[in-house]
Protein backbone atom coordinates (compact mmCIF):
# COMPACT_ATOMS: atom_id res chain seq x y z
CA MET A 1 -9.81 45.00 -69.54
CA LEU A 2 -11.64 41.97 -68.23
CA LYS A 3 -9.71 38.82 -68.00
CA SER A 4 -11.70 35.69 -68.79
CA LYS A 5 -11.29 32.53 -66.80
CA LYS A 6 -10.91 29.21 -68.44
CA THR A 7 -13.92 27.08 -67.83
CA GLU A 8 -14.11 23.37 -67.98
CA LEU A 9 -16.29 21.96 -70.73
CA VAL A 10 -19.34 20.05 -69.67
CA GLY A 11 -18.91 16.34 -70.46
CA ALA A 12 -15.15 16.67 -70.89
CA MET A 13 -13.12 13.78 -69.52
CA THR A 14 -11.50 14.49 -66.22
CA SER A 15 -8.40 12.70 -64.91
CA GLY A 16 -10.55 10.54 -62.59
CA ASN A 17 -12.98 9.43 -65.30
CA ARG A 18 -11.77 6.67 -67.55
CA GLY A 19 -13.90 7.72 -70.53
CA ILE A 20 -16.74 6.46 -72.62
CA LYS A 21 -14.54 3.92 -74.53
CA ALA A 22 -13.49 2.27 -71.29
CA ASP A 23 -17.09 2.17 -70.08
CA PHE A 24 -18.24 0.70 -73.39
CA ASP A 25 -15.53 -1.97 -73.22
CA ASP A 26 -16.65 -2.86 -69.69
CA LEU A 27 -20.26 -3.06 -70.90
CA LEU A 28 -19.23 -5.43 -73.72
CA SER A 29 -17.20 -7.65 -71.41
CA THR A 30 -20.10 -7.78 -68.92
CA LEU A 31 -22.53 -8.74 -71.69
CA ARG A 32 -20.18 -11.40 -73.03
CA ALA A 33 -19.84 -12.95 -69.53
CA TYR A 34 -23.60 -12.85 -69.03
CA VAL A 35 -24.30 -14.49 -72.39
CA LYS A 36 -21.77 -17.22 -71.62
CA GLN A 37 -23.26 -17.78 -68.18
CA GLU A 38 -26.85 -17.97 -69.34
CA THR A 39 -26.43 -19.91 -72.62
CA VAL A 40 -23.19 -21.78 -72.96
CA GLY A 41 -23.23 -23.16 -69.32
CA PRO A 42 -26.71 -24.67 -69.51
CA ILE A 43 -26.17 -25.96 -73.01
CA ARG A 44 -23.05 -27.84 -71.83
CA GLY A 45 -25.08 -29.26 -68.98
CA LEU A 46 -27.73 -30.48 -71.35
CA GLY A 47 -25.20 -32.10 -73.66
CA ARG A 48 -24.88 -35.19 -71.44
CA TYR A 49 -28.59 -35.69 -71.22
CA LEU A 50 -28.95 -35.25 -74.95
CA GLY A 51 -26.21 -37.79 -75.51
CA PHE A 52 -27.90 -40.40 -73.33
CA GLY A 53 -31.29 -39.60 -74.98
CA LEU A 54 -29.79 -40.05 -78.46
CA ALA A 55 -28.12 -43.30 -77.53
CA GLY A 56 -31.33 -44.57 -76.09
CA THR A 57 -33.28 -43.54 -79.20
CA VAL A 58 -30.83 -45.37 -81.48
CA CYS A 59 -31.04 -48.56 -79.31
CA PHE A 60 -34.86 -48.36 -79.32
CA ALA A 61 -35.01 -47.89 -83.09
CA VAL A 62 -32.59 -50.87 -83.71
CA ALA A 63 -34.76 -53.01 -81.34
CA GLN A 64 -37.92 -52.07 -83.28
CA ILE A 65 -36.34 -52.93 -86.60
CA PHE A 66 -35.29 -56.33 -85.23
CA LEU A 67 -38.75 -56.89 -83.76
CA VAL A 68 -40.49 -56.19 -87.10
CA LEU A 69 -38.05 -58.39 -88.99
CA GLY A 70 -38.60 -61.15 -86.43
CA VAL A 71 -42.34 -60.91 -86.92
CA VAL A 72 -41.96 -61.14 -90.76
CA ARG A 73 -39.45 -64.03 -90.49
CA VAL A 74 -41.56 -66.01 -88.03
CA LEU A 75 -44.62 -65.68 -90.21
CA GLN A 76 -42.67 -66.70 -93.34
CA SER A 77 -40.93 -69.72 -91.81
CA ALA A 78 -43.12 -71.04 -88.97
CA THR A 79 -46.39 -71.21 -90.98
CA SER A 80 -47.11 -72.75 -94.35
CA THR A 81 -50.32 -70.75 -94.65
CA PHE A 82 -48.64 -67.70 -96.19
CA GLU A 83 -47.17 -69.39 -99.31
CA GLY A 84 -48.12 -68.78 -102.89
CA SER A 85 -50.69 -66.05 -103.40
CA PHE A 86 -50.66 -65.10 -99.65
CA SER A 87 -46.89 -64.40 -99.46
CA PHE A 88 -47.53 -60.72 -98.99
CA VAL A 89 -49.29 -61.22 -95.63
CA PRO A 90 -46.07 -61.47 -93.54
CA TYR A 91 -44.97 -58.17 -94.93
CA LEU A 92 -48.34 -56.71 -94.18
CA ALA A 93 -48.02 -57.96 -90.62
CA GLY A 94 -44.63 -56.23 -90.44
CA VAL A 95 -46.15 -53.00 -91.55
CA ALA A 96 -48.90 -53.46 -88.98
CA ALA A 97 -46.30 -54.02 -86.31
CA CYS A 98 -44.56 -50.77 -87.35
CA VAL A 99 -47.80 -48.85 -87.19
CA PHE A 100 -48.56 -50.37 -83.77
CA LEU A 101 -45.11 -49.32 -82.45
CA ILE A 102 -45.54 -45.81 -83.84
CA PHE A 103 -48.93 -45.61 -82.17
CA LEU A 104 -47.46 -46.68 -78.84
CA THR A 105 -44.66 -44.12 -79.13
CA VAL A 106 -47.11 -41.25 -79.93
CA PHE A 107 -49.40 -42.34 -77.16
CA ALA A 108 -46.56 -42.36 -74.71
CA LEU A 109 -45.34 -38.95 -75.84
CA ARG A 110 -48.84 -37.41 -75.52
CA ARG A 111 -49.32 -38.99 -72.08
CA ASP A 112 -45.97 -37.71 -70.94
CA GLY A 113 -46.70 -34.25 -72.28
CA LYS A 114 -50.05 -34.08 -70.45
CA ARG A 115 -48.33 -35.14 -67.20
CA HIS A 116 -45.77 -32.41 -67.53
CA ALA A 117 -48.40 -29.81 -68.48
CA ASN A 118 -50.40 -30.54 -65.30
CA GLY A 119 -47.51 -30.62 -62.91
């Protein structure tokens, strides 16, 4: 009679190999660390700049509102020309000042965009 030897199965875990589950867990932990490094870290760094940008935008918007209200108030109180049937003109001047400020903002943004695109 022939005695058969026990053979090791191909792909079976040996005592030195930790197994597929441990390798998969290592892969997941490595991916988590990579995602944190490449996304969370830079976003936290940008948070400060976004905060200062938002604060500057709010201050600029409040200043524009006061400027437009000042234009309307000066035209209403300093001149007697815009009384009666021409009382809408100061408000029209306020709208024109708003349009002018929006134009300046868009012009500055386009100019800034062209500067960054070239350099």
